[in-house]
Amino acid sequence: MHRRLFSLTRDTRASLTLTILSGFLAGLLTIWQAWNISSVIDGVFLKKLSLEQVATPLILILFAISGRAFLTWLNEVAANAVAVRIKTDLRERLFAHILKLGPAYSRGQRTGELTTAAVEGIEALDAYFSQYLPQLVVTALIPLSILFFVFPIDLLTGFVFLITAPLIPFFMIIIGKGAEAVTKRQYETLRLLSAHFLDSLQGLTTLKLFGQSKGQAKNIAKISEQYRDTTLGVLRITFLSALALEMLATIRTAIVAVEIGFRLLYRNIEFQPALFLLILAPEFYMPLRALGARFHAGINGTTAAKRIYEILDTPIDIRYSMFEYRISNIDFSTIELSNVSFTYPNETTPALQNINLTIQQGQHIALVGKTGAGKSTLAQLLLGVSQPTQGNITFHASRITPSQIH
């Protein structure tokens, strides 16, 4: 699923690259800022340098802070541009596919579920593309960049970073297995709630006439309570996982601080590089912590995407595409139905039987009849949604028969 979602970024690679690059450059500025801060503190408190002597590093620190602020803003703008473009394209693609599937498909689906997939489902992909996906790449780049600067200064601290870093992804995998099941249950409940609510609105008049509106309201309230419970379950896992990841990051930062502190106490390391490493310690784990916080946004996105791709993967009957191609190149002058009959699957009584009708170009025809007389069925036959059980529909402009269209 992640591979299919990543393929949607094909038309937004420039903005996605800008998002990742701005996050990576902000990480490099963090390293540069940490080095200048450690140099200023070392110079002022140990080497007794004056303000004029540390003015240049202070200016560089301000420049680094300003640069990080600008890159953070640029990162958010580019990430939002990626998400908006993908959501717009995917929503248009989904709507176009549902239209091509035709009434035969929509009739077998609940309107509320399709609405949820097209609205809430696609909106769930916003956080996936604007937060989770860029953070996934930045999390791989920034810690490696920090290790590139740390190893030449101190091997022990570098190995501590290297050994402790995989713990967060490991716990994310463990937590993700439980979170994915809960998130899926929450989304399924949301689909059910949307379907019930929209069905109730569409049939409100009928429910009122038969005195069933209160019963349906109780059903909606029951499903709403289930959705509330599942949402709280997702939030519970989210907060507990965030707490666990924060504790892991804090403990590992403390390990680095302790080992640097003891070595500094016994003068096995200089103050300035020791302070530089200590400042970098939380920054090394920061991308991993951010990925953990956005991990649930990724789960929400993939869960919603599964339903969206279920719809997109539903094959379009070749009859419709052939029909669309042919009518786009032909100016039909007359449509003739000759002894057309149609029987629905698993039914014995024909919905239409021996229909003979000629429609001239520009002629207005009104289909009038009781409920169940076959008005909608006839319209589906003319649209090519269904194929006659018997008889022919002939387009006189080019003598195209249903066997050629369908």
Protein backbone atom coordinates (compact mmCIF):
# COMPACT_ATOMS: atom_id res chain seq x y z
CA MET A 1 0.00 0.00 0.00
CA HIS A 2 2.87 2.40 0.79
CA ARG A 3 4.26 1.77 -2.71
CA ARG A 4 0.95 2.61 -4.36
CA LEU A 5 0.58 5.76 -2.29
CA PHE A 6 4.13 6.82 -3.12
CA SER A 7 3.32 6.43 -6.82
CA LEU A 8 0.77 9.24 -6.40
CA THR A 9 3.64 11.68 -5.82
CA ARG A 10 4.75 11.32 -9.45
CA ASP A 11 3.39 14.75 -10.41
CA THR A 12 4.53 16.43 -7.19
CA ARG A 13 8.15 15.26 -7.06
CA ALA A 14 9.47 18.85 -7.16
CA SER A 15 7.45 19.93 -4.11
CA LEU A 16 8.18 16.65 -2.31
CA THR A 17 11.91 17.06 -2.99
CA LEU A 18 11.73 20.62 -1.68
CA THR A 19 9.98 19.35 1.46
CA ILE A 20 12.64 16.73 2.13
CA LEU A 21 15.53 19.03 1.20
CA SER A 22 14.31 21.84 3.48
CA GLY A 23 13.98 19.39 6.39
CA PHE A 24 17.46 18.00 5.71
CA LEU A 25 19.04 21.47 5.47
CA ALA A 26 17.32 22.46 8.73
CA GLY A 27 19.00 19.42 10.32
CA LEU A 28 22.42 20.49 9.01
CA LEU A 29 21.84 24.00 10.39
CA THR A 30 21.05 22.40 13.75
CA ILE A 31 24.46 20.70 13.75
CA TRP A 32 26.16 23.95 12.78
CA GLN A 33 24.24 25.84 15.48
CA ALA A 34 25.23 23.26 18.13
CA TRP A 35 28.91 23.63 17.20
CA ASN A 36 28.77 27.44 17.45
CA ILE A 37 26.90 27.34 20.76
CA SER A 38 29.46 24.96 22.27
CA SER A 39 32.29 27.17 20.94
CA VAL A 40 30.75 30.33 22.48
CA ILE A 41 30.16 28.70 25.88
CA ASP A 42 33.64 27.18 25.90
CA GLY A 43 35.20 30.49 24.91
CA VAL A 44 33.30 32.64 27.43
CA PHE A 45 33.38 30.39 30.53
CA LEU A 46 36.70 28.59 30.15
CA LYS A 47 38.83 30.72 27.86
CA LYS A 48 37.44 34.02 29.19
CA LEU A 49 36.89 35.52 25.75
CA SER A 50 35.28 38.95 25.46
CA LEU A 51 32.01 39.73 23.69
CA GLU A 52 33.87 41.10 20.69
CA GLN A 53 35.82 37.85 20.35
CA VAL A 54 32.68 35.71 20.28
CA ALA A 55 30.63 38.15 18.20
CA THR A 56 31.12 36.17 14.98
CA PRO A 57 29.88 32.84 16.43
CA LEU A 58 26.91 34.66 17.99
CA ILE A 59 25.99 36.14 14.59
CA LEU A 60 26.30 32.70 13.05
CA ILE A 61 23.99 31.30 15.74
CA LEU A 62 21.37 33.95 14.92
CA PHE A 63 21.79 33.17 11.24
CA ALA A 64 21.30 29.44 11.94
CA ILE A 65 18.17 30.11 14.01
CA SER A 66 16.72 32.34 11.28
CA GLY A 67 17.61 29.80 8.62
CA ARG A 68 15.95 26.97 10.55
CA ALA A 69 12.80 29.07 11.01
CA PHE A 70 12.66 29.84 7.27
CA LEU A 71 13.30 26.22 6.28
CA THR A 72 10.62 25.02 8.71
CA TRP A 73 8.12 27.40 7.09
CA LEU A 74 9.21 26.32 3.62
CA ASN A 75 8.91 22.67 4.64
CA GLU A 76 5.31 23.12 5.77
CA VAL A 77 4.31 25.12 2.67
CA ALA A 78 5.83 22.57 0.27
CA ALA A 79 4.37 19.63 2.22
CA ASN A 80 0.88 21.15 2.14
CA ALA A 81 1.25 21.78 -1.61
CA VAL A 82 2.08 18.10 -2.12
CA ALA A 83 -0.91 16.94 -0.05
CA VAL A 84 -3.39 19.33 -1.70
CA ARG A 85 -2.32 18.35 -5.23
CA ILE A 86 -2.47 14.62 -4.52
CA LYS A 87 -5.85 14.87 -2.75
CA THR A 88 -7.34 16.89 -5.61
CA ASP A 89 -6.07 14.51 -8.30
CA LEU A 90 -7.09 11.40 -6.37
CA ARG A 91 -10.58 12.74 -5.62
CA GLU A 92 -11.14 13.58 -9.31
CA ARG A 93 -9.85 10.15 -10.28
CA LEU A 94 -12.13 8.45 -7.75
CA PHE A 95 -15.23 10.38 -8.84
CA ALA A 96 -14.49 9.70 -12.52
CA HIS A 97 -14.05 5.99 -11.82
CA ILE A 98 -17.32 5.76 -9.87
CA LEU A 99 -19.11 7.48 -12.75
CA LYS A 100 -17.56 5.03 -15.23
CA LEU A 101 -18.64 2.11 -13.05
CA GLY A 102 -22.15 3.39 -13.54
CA PRO A 103 -25.43 2.93 -11.67
CA ALA A 104 -25.01 -0.84 -11.68
CA TYR A 105 -22.09 -0.46 -9.24
CA SER A 106 -23.54 2.40 -7.18
CA ARG A 107 -26.79 0.51 -6.69
CA GLY A 108 -24.89 -2.22 -4.83
CA GLN A 109 -23.06 0.24 -2.56
CA ARG A 110 -24.20 2.36 0.35
CA THR A 111 -24.04 6.04 -0.49
CA GLY A 112 -22.67 6.95 2.93
CA GLU A 113 -19.72 4.57 2.56
CA LEU A 114 -18.80 5.96 -0.84
CA THR A 115 -19.08 9.48 0.56
CA THR A 116 -16.81 8.59 3.48
CA ALA A 117 -14.18 7.17 1.13
CA ALA A 118 -14.34 10.23 -1.15
CA VAL A 119 -14.31 12.82 1.66
CA GLU A 120 -12.93 11.62 5.00
CA GLY A 121 -10.87 8.87 3.36
CA ILE A 122 -9.01 11.20 1.03
CA GLU A 123 -8.65 13.84 3.75
CA ALA A 124 -6.92 11.20 5.90
CA LEU A 125 -4.17 11.13 3.26
CA ASP A 126 -3.34 14.78 4.00
CA ALA A 127 -1.29 13.96 7.08
CA TYR A 128 0.26 10.97 5.32
CA PHE A 129 1.74 13.04 2.49
CA SER A 130 2.39 16.30 4.37
CA GLN A 131 3.79 14.80 7.59
CA TYR A 132 4.52 11.08 7.62
CA LEU A 133 6.11 10.53 4.19
CA PRO A 134 8.57 13.51 4.32
CA GLN A 135 9.43 12.69 7.95
CA LEU A 136 10.19 9.10 6.95
CA VAL A 137 12.96 10.28 4.61
CA VAL A 138 14.25 13.04 6.91
CA THR A 139 14.48 10.52 9.77
CA ALA A 140 16.91 8.50 7.69
CA LEU A 141 19.01 11.49 6.59
CA ILE A 142 19.48 13.63 9.71
CA PRO A 143 20.71 10.95 12.16
CA LEU A 144 23.18 9.72 9.51
CA SER A 145 24.40 13.30 9.04
CA ILE A 146 24.89 13.71 12.79
CA LEU A 147 26.82 10.42 12.94
CA PHE A 148 29.02 11.72 10.12
CA PHE A 149 30.10 14.61 12.38
CA VAL A 150 30.12 12.68 15.65
CA PHE A 151 32.36 9.71 14.76
CA PRO A 152 35.45 11.82 13.91
CA ILE A 153 35.09 13.61 17.27
CA ASP A 154 34.25 10.70 19.59
CA LEU A 155 33.86 7.05 18.63
CA LEU A 156 32.20 5.96 21.88
CA THR A 157 29.36 8.50 21.63
CA GLY A 158 28.93 7.62 17.97
CA PHE A 159 28.53 3.93 18.81
CA VAL A 160 26.05 4.78 21.59
CA PHE A 161 23.98 6.71 19.04
CA LEU A 162 24.27 3.93 16.50
CA ILE A 163 23.26 1.15 18.91
CA THR A 164 20.36 2.94 20.59
CA ALA A 165 18.81 4.48 17.43
CA PRO A 166 17.06 1.29 16.14
CA LEU A 167 15.07 0.89 19.36
CA ILE A 168 12.46 3.49 18.35
CA PRO A 169 11.66 1.87 14.95
CA PHE A 170 11.54 -1.51 16.71
CA PHE A 171 8.94 -0.29 19.22
CA MET A 172 7.06 1.50 16.42
CA ILE A 173 6.66 -1.82 14.61
CA ILE A 174 5.38 -3.51 17.77
CA ILE A 175 2.96 -0.67 18.55
CA GLY A 176 1.92 -0.39 14.91
CA LYS A 177 0.52 -3.93 14.81
CA GLY A 178 -2.00 -3.14 17.54
CA ALA A 179 -2.66 0.40 16.32
CA GLU A 180 -3.41 -0.73 12.77
CA ALA A 181 -6.15 -3.11 13.93
CA VAL A 182 -7.77 -0.44 16.12
CA THR A 183 -7.52 2.20 13.40
CA LYS A 184 -9.10 -0.14 10.87
CA ARG A 185 -11.95 -0.85 13.28
CA GLN A 186 -12.43 2.89 13.80
CA TYR A 187 -12.58 3.57 10.06
CA GLU A 188 -15.03 0.72 9.50
CA THR A 189 -17.27 2.13 12.24
CA LEU A 190 -17.07 5.58 10.63
CA ARG A 191 -18.13 4.08 7.28
CA LEU A 192 -21.06 2.31 8.95
CA LEU A 193 -22.10 5.48 10.79
CA SER A 194 -21.94 7.57 7.60
CA ALA A 195 -23.94 4.98 5.68
CA HIS A 196 -26.66 4.77 8.34
CA PHE A 197 -26.90 8.54 8.71
CA LEU A 198 -27.09 9.31 4.99
CA ASP A 199 -29.56 6.46 4.38
CA SER A 200 -31.73 7.88 7.15
CA LEU A 201 -31.69 11.35 5.62
CA GLN A 202 -32.55 10.00 2.19
CA GLY A 203 -35.41 7.91 3.55
CA LEU A 204 -36.55 10.32 6.27
CA THR A 205 -39.98 10.88 4.71
CA THR A 206 -40.60 7.13 4.45
CA LEU A 207 -39.39 6.57 8.03
CA LYS A 208 -41.76 9.28 9.27
CA LEU A 209 -44.70 7.83 7.35
CA PHE A 210 -44.18 4.39 8.87
CA GLY A 211 -43.27 5.68 12.35
CA GLN A 212 -39.74 4.25 12.28
CA SER A 213 -37.74 7.47 12.66
CA LYS A 214 -37.15 7.04 16.41
CA GLY A 215 -35.92 3.49 15.94
CA GLN A 216 -33.48 4.61 13.29
CA ALA A 217 -32.30 7.45 15.54
CA LYS A 218 -31.52 4.87 18.24
CA ASN A 219 -29.48 2.84 15.74
CA ILE A 220 -27.48 5.92 14.77
CA ALA A 221 -26.91 6.76 18.45
CA LYS A 222 -25.70 3.19 19.06
CA ILE A 223 -23.23 3.33 16.17
CA SER A 224 -22.10 6.80 17.29
CA GLU A 225 -21.28 5.36 20.70
CA GLN A 226 -19.29 2.57 19.04
CA TYR A 227 -17.39 5.16 17.00
CA ARG A 228 -16.67 7.16 20.16
CA ASP A 229 -15.28 4.05 21.87
CA THR A 230 -13.05 3.12 18.93
CA THR A 231 -11.80 6.70 18.60
CA LEU A 232 -10.89 6.78 22.30
CA GLY A 233 -9.13 3.45 21.80
CA VAL A 234 -7.04 4.94 18.99
CA LEU A 235 -6.22 7.99 21.12
CA ARG A 236 -5.27 5.74 24.03
CA ILE A 237 -2.77 3.83 21.90
CA THR A 238 -1.48 7.08 20.37
CA PHE A 239 -0.78 8.70 23.73
CA LEU A 240 0.70 5.56 25.27
CA SER A 241 3.00 5.01 22.30
CA ALA A 242 4.07 8.67 22.38
CA LEU A 243 4.83 8.32 26.10
CA ALA A 244 6.87 5.16 25.51
CA LEU A 245 8.86 6.75 22.69
CA GLU A 246 9.51 9.90 24.73
CA MET A 247 10.76 7.80 27.63
CA LEU A 248 13.07 5.85 25.33
CA ALA A 249 14.49 9.03 23.83
CA THR A 250 14.95 10.59 27.27
CA ILE A 251 16.71 7.50 28.65
CA ARG A 252 19.08 7.32 25.69
CA THR A 253 19.87 11.02 25.93
CA ALA A 254 20.60 10.47 29.63
CA ILE A 255 22.95 7.57 28.76
CA VAL A 256 24.90 9.85 26.42
CA ALA A 257 24.98 12.61 29.06
CA VAL A 258 26.24 10.23 31.77
CA GLU A 259 29.01 8.69 29.66
CA ILE A 260 30.14 12.14 28.48
CA GLY A 261 29.95 13.51 32.03
CA PHE A 262 32.14 10.77 33.50
CA ARG A 263 34.71 11.09 30.76
CA LEU A 264 34.72 14.86 31.15
CA LEU A 265 35.18 14.42 34.91
CA TYR A 266 38.24 12.23 34.36
CA ARG A 267 39.46 14.52 31.57
CA ASN A 268 39.21 11.93 28.85
CA ILE A 269 37.45 14.43 26.58
CA GLU A 270 37.66 18.18 26.06
CA PHE A 271 34.83 20.44 27.20
CA GLN A 272 33.93 21.97 23.83
CA PRO A 273 33.45 18.69 21.90
CA ALA A 274 31.75 17.16 24.94
CA LEU A 275 29.23 20.02 25.04
CA PHE A 276 28.77 19.78 21.27
CA LEU A 277 27.93 16.07 21.58
CA LEU A 278 25.61 16.72 24.53
CA ILE A 279 23.68 19.37 22.57
CA LEU A 280 23.40 17.02 19.59
CA ALA A 281 22.12 14.08 21.66
CA PRO A 282 18.44 15.19 21.79
CA GLU A 283 18.66 16.44 18.20
CA PHE A 284 19.83 13.00 17.09
CA TYR A 285 16.70 11.36 18.51
CA MET A 286 14.34 14.22 17.58
CA PRO A 287 13.57 12.98 14.02
CA LEU A 288 12.91 9.48 15.37
CA ARG A 289 10.54 10.89 17.99
CA ALA A 290 8.80 13.01 15.34
CA LEU A 291 8.39 9.93 13.15
CA GLY A 292 6.86 8.08 16.09
CA ALA A 293 4.39 10.93 16.63
CA ARG A 294 3.43 10.93 12.95
CA PHE A 295 3.40 7.16 12.64
CA HIS A 296 -0.31 7.04 13.47
CA ALA A 297 -1.02 9.56 10.69
CA GLY A 298 0.62 7.06 8.36
CA ILE A 299 -1.58 4.24 9.67
CA ASN A 300 -4.71 6.37 9.20
CA GLY A 301 -3.66 7.15 5.64
CA THR A 302 -2.97 3.55 4.64
CA THR A 303 -6.22 2.36 6.26
CA ALA A 304 -8.26 4.91 4.29
CA ALA A 305 -6.29 4.18 1.12
CA LYS A 306 -7.25 0.50 1.21
CA ARG A 307 -10.95 1.36 0.74
CA ILE A 308 -10.16 3.97 -1.92
CA TYR A 309 -8.12 1.47 -3.93
CA GLU A 310 -10.83 -1.15 -3.52
CA ILE A 311 -13.07 1.19 -5.50
CA LEU A 312 -10.38 2.16 -8.02
CA ASP A 313 -9.45 -1.50 -8.55
CA THR A 314 -13.04 -2.43 -9.40
CA PRO A 315 -12.82 -3.21 -13.12
CA ILE A 316 -14.83 -1.11 -15.54
CA ASP A 317 -16.88 -3.20 -17.92
CA ILE A 318 -15.30 -2.92 -21.36
CA ARG A 319 -18.76 -2.27 -22.75
CA TYR A 320 -18.84 1.21 -21.22
CA SER A 321 -15.48 2.30 -22.57
CA MET A 322 -16.37 0.95 -26.04
CA PHE A 323 -19.71 2.71 -25.84
CA GLU A 324 -18.08 5.97 -24.80
CA TYR A 325 -15.53 5.73 -27.59
CA ARG A 326 -18.09 5.02 -30.29
CA ILE A 327 -20.64 7.68 -29.36
CA SER A 328 -17.92 10.32 -29.20
CA ASN A 329 -17.34 9.84 -32.93
CA ILE A 330 -20.89 9.28 -34.16
CA ASP A 331 -23.86 11.61 -34.50
CA PHE A 332 -26.83 9.33 -33.86
CA SER A 333 -29.98 10.26 -35.72
CA THR A 334 -32.31 7.44 -34.66
CA ILE A 335 -32.44 4.91 -31.83
CA GLU A 336 -34.64 1.89 -32.40
CA LEU A 337 -35.65 -0.78 -29.86
CA SER A 338 -36.90 -3.99 -31.47
CA ASN A 339 -38.64 -6.56 -29.24
CA VAL A 340 -36.39 -5.67 -26.31
CA SER A 341 -36.82 -7.73 -23.15
CA PHE A 342 -34.79 -7.69 -19.96
CA THR A 343 -34.79 -9.90 -16.87
CA TYR A 344 -32.65 -9.14 -13.82
CA PRO A 345 -30.29 -11.87 -12.55
CA ASN A 346 -31.92 -14.35 -10.16
CA GLU A 347 -35.37 -13.14 -11.29
CA THR A 348 -37.97 -15.01 -13.35
CA THR A 349 -40.37 -12.18 -14.13
CA PRO A 350 -39.10 -9.86 -16.91
CA ALA A 351 -38.69 -6.21 -15.96
CA LEU A 352 -39.28 -5.31 -19.61
CA GLN A 353 -40.91 -7.46 -22.29
CA ASN A 354 -41.21 -6.96 -26.05
CA ILE A 355 -40.53 -3.22 -26.06
CA ASN A 356 -40.64 -1.57 -29.48
CA LEU A 357 -39.69 2.09 -29.63
CA THR A 358 -38.18 4.50 -32.13
CA ILE A 359 -36.58 7.75 -30.94
CA GLN A 360 -35.69 10.41 -33.50
CA GLN A 361 -32.90 12.90 -33.01
CA GLY A 362 -34.09 15.94 -31.05
CA GLN A 363 -37.30 14.22 -29.98
CA HIS A 364 -38.41 14.51 -26.33
CA ILE A 365 -39.73 11.29 -24.81
CA ALA A 366 -41.42 10.98 -21.40
CA LEU A 367 -41.32 7.57 -19.71
CA VAL A 368 -44.49 7.26 -17.62
CA GLY A 369 -45.57 4.28 -15.56
CA LYS A 370 -46.14 2.87 -12.12
CA THR A 371 -43.33 1.97 -9.76
CA GLY A 372 -41.67 -1.18 -11.04
CA ALA A 373 -42.95 -0.74 -14.58
CA GLY A 374 -39.37 -0.66 -15.92
CA LYS A 375 -38.66 3.03 -16.53
CA SER A 376 -35.21 2.93 -14.88
CA THR A 377 -34.42 -0.39 -16.56
CA LEU A 378 -35.16 1.09 -19.99
CA ALA A 379 -32.94 4.08 -19.24
CA GLN A 380 -30.12 1.72 -18.20
CA LEU A 381 -30.47 -0.19 -21.46
CA LEU A 382 -30.25 3.02 -23.48
CA LEU A 383 -27.17 4.13 -21.51
CA GLY A 384 -25.49 0.79 -22.07
CA VAL A 385 -25.37 0.02 -18.35
CA SER A 386 -27.32 -3.20 -18.92
CA GLN A 387 -27.65 -5.48 -21.93
CA PRO A 388 -31.02 -6.71 -23.25
CA THR A 389 -31.90 -10.31 -22.53
CA GLN A 390 -33.67 -10.46 -25.88
CA GLY A 391 -34.06 -8.09 -28.81
CA ASN A 392 -31.86 -5.39 -30.29
CA ILE A 393 -31.13 -1.74 -29.74
CA THR A 394 -30.04 -0.26 -33.07
CA PHE A 395 -28.39 3.11 -33.65
CA HIS A 396 -29.33 3.90 -37.22
CA ALA A 397 -26.58 6.42 -37.84
CA SER A 398 -24.03 3.65 -38.07
CA ARG A 399 -26.01 0.47 -37.54
CA ILE A 400 -24.33 -0.25 -34.19
CA THR A 401 -26.10 -3.04 -32.39
CA PRO A 402 -25.74 -4.03 -28.72
CA SER A 403 -23.44 -6.91 -29.67
CA GLN A 404 -21.03 -4.39 -31.17
CA ILE A 405 -21.27 -1.96 -28.28
CA HIS A 406 -21.27 -4.49 -25.48
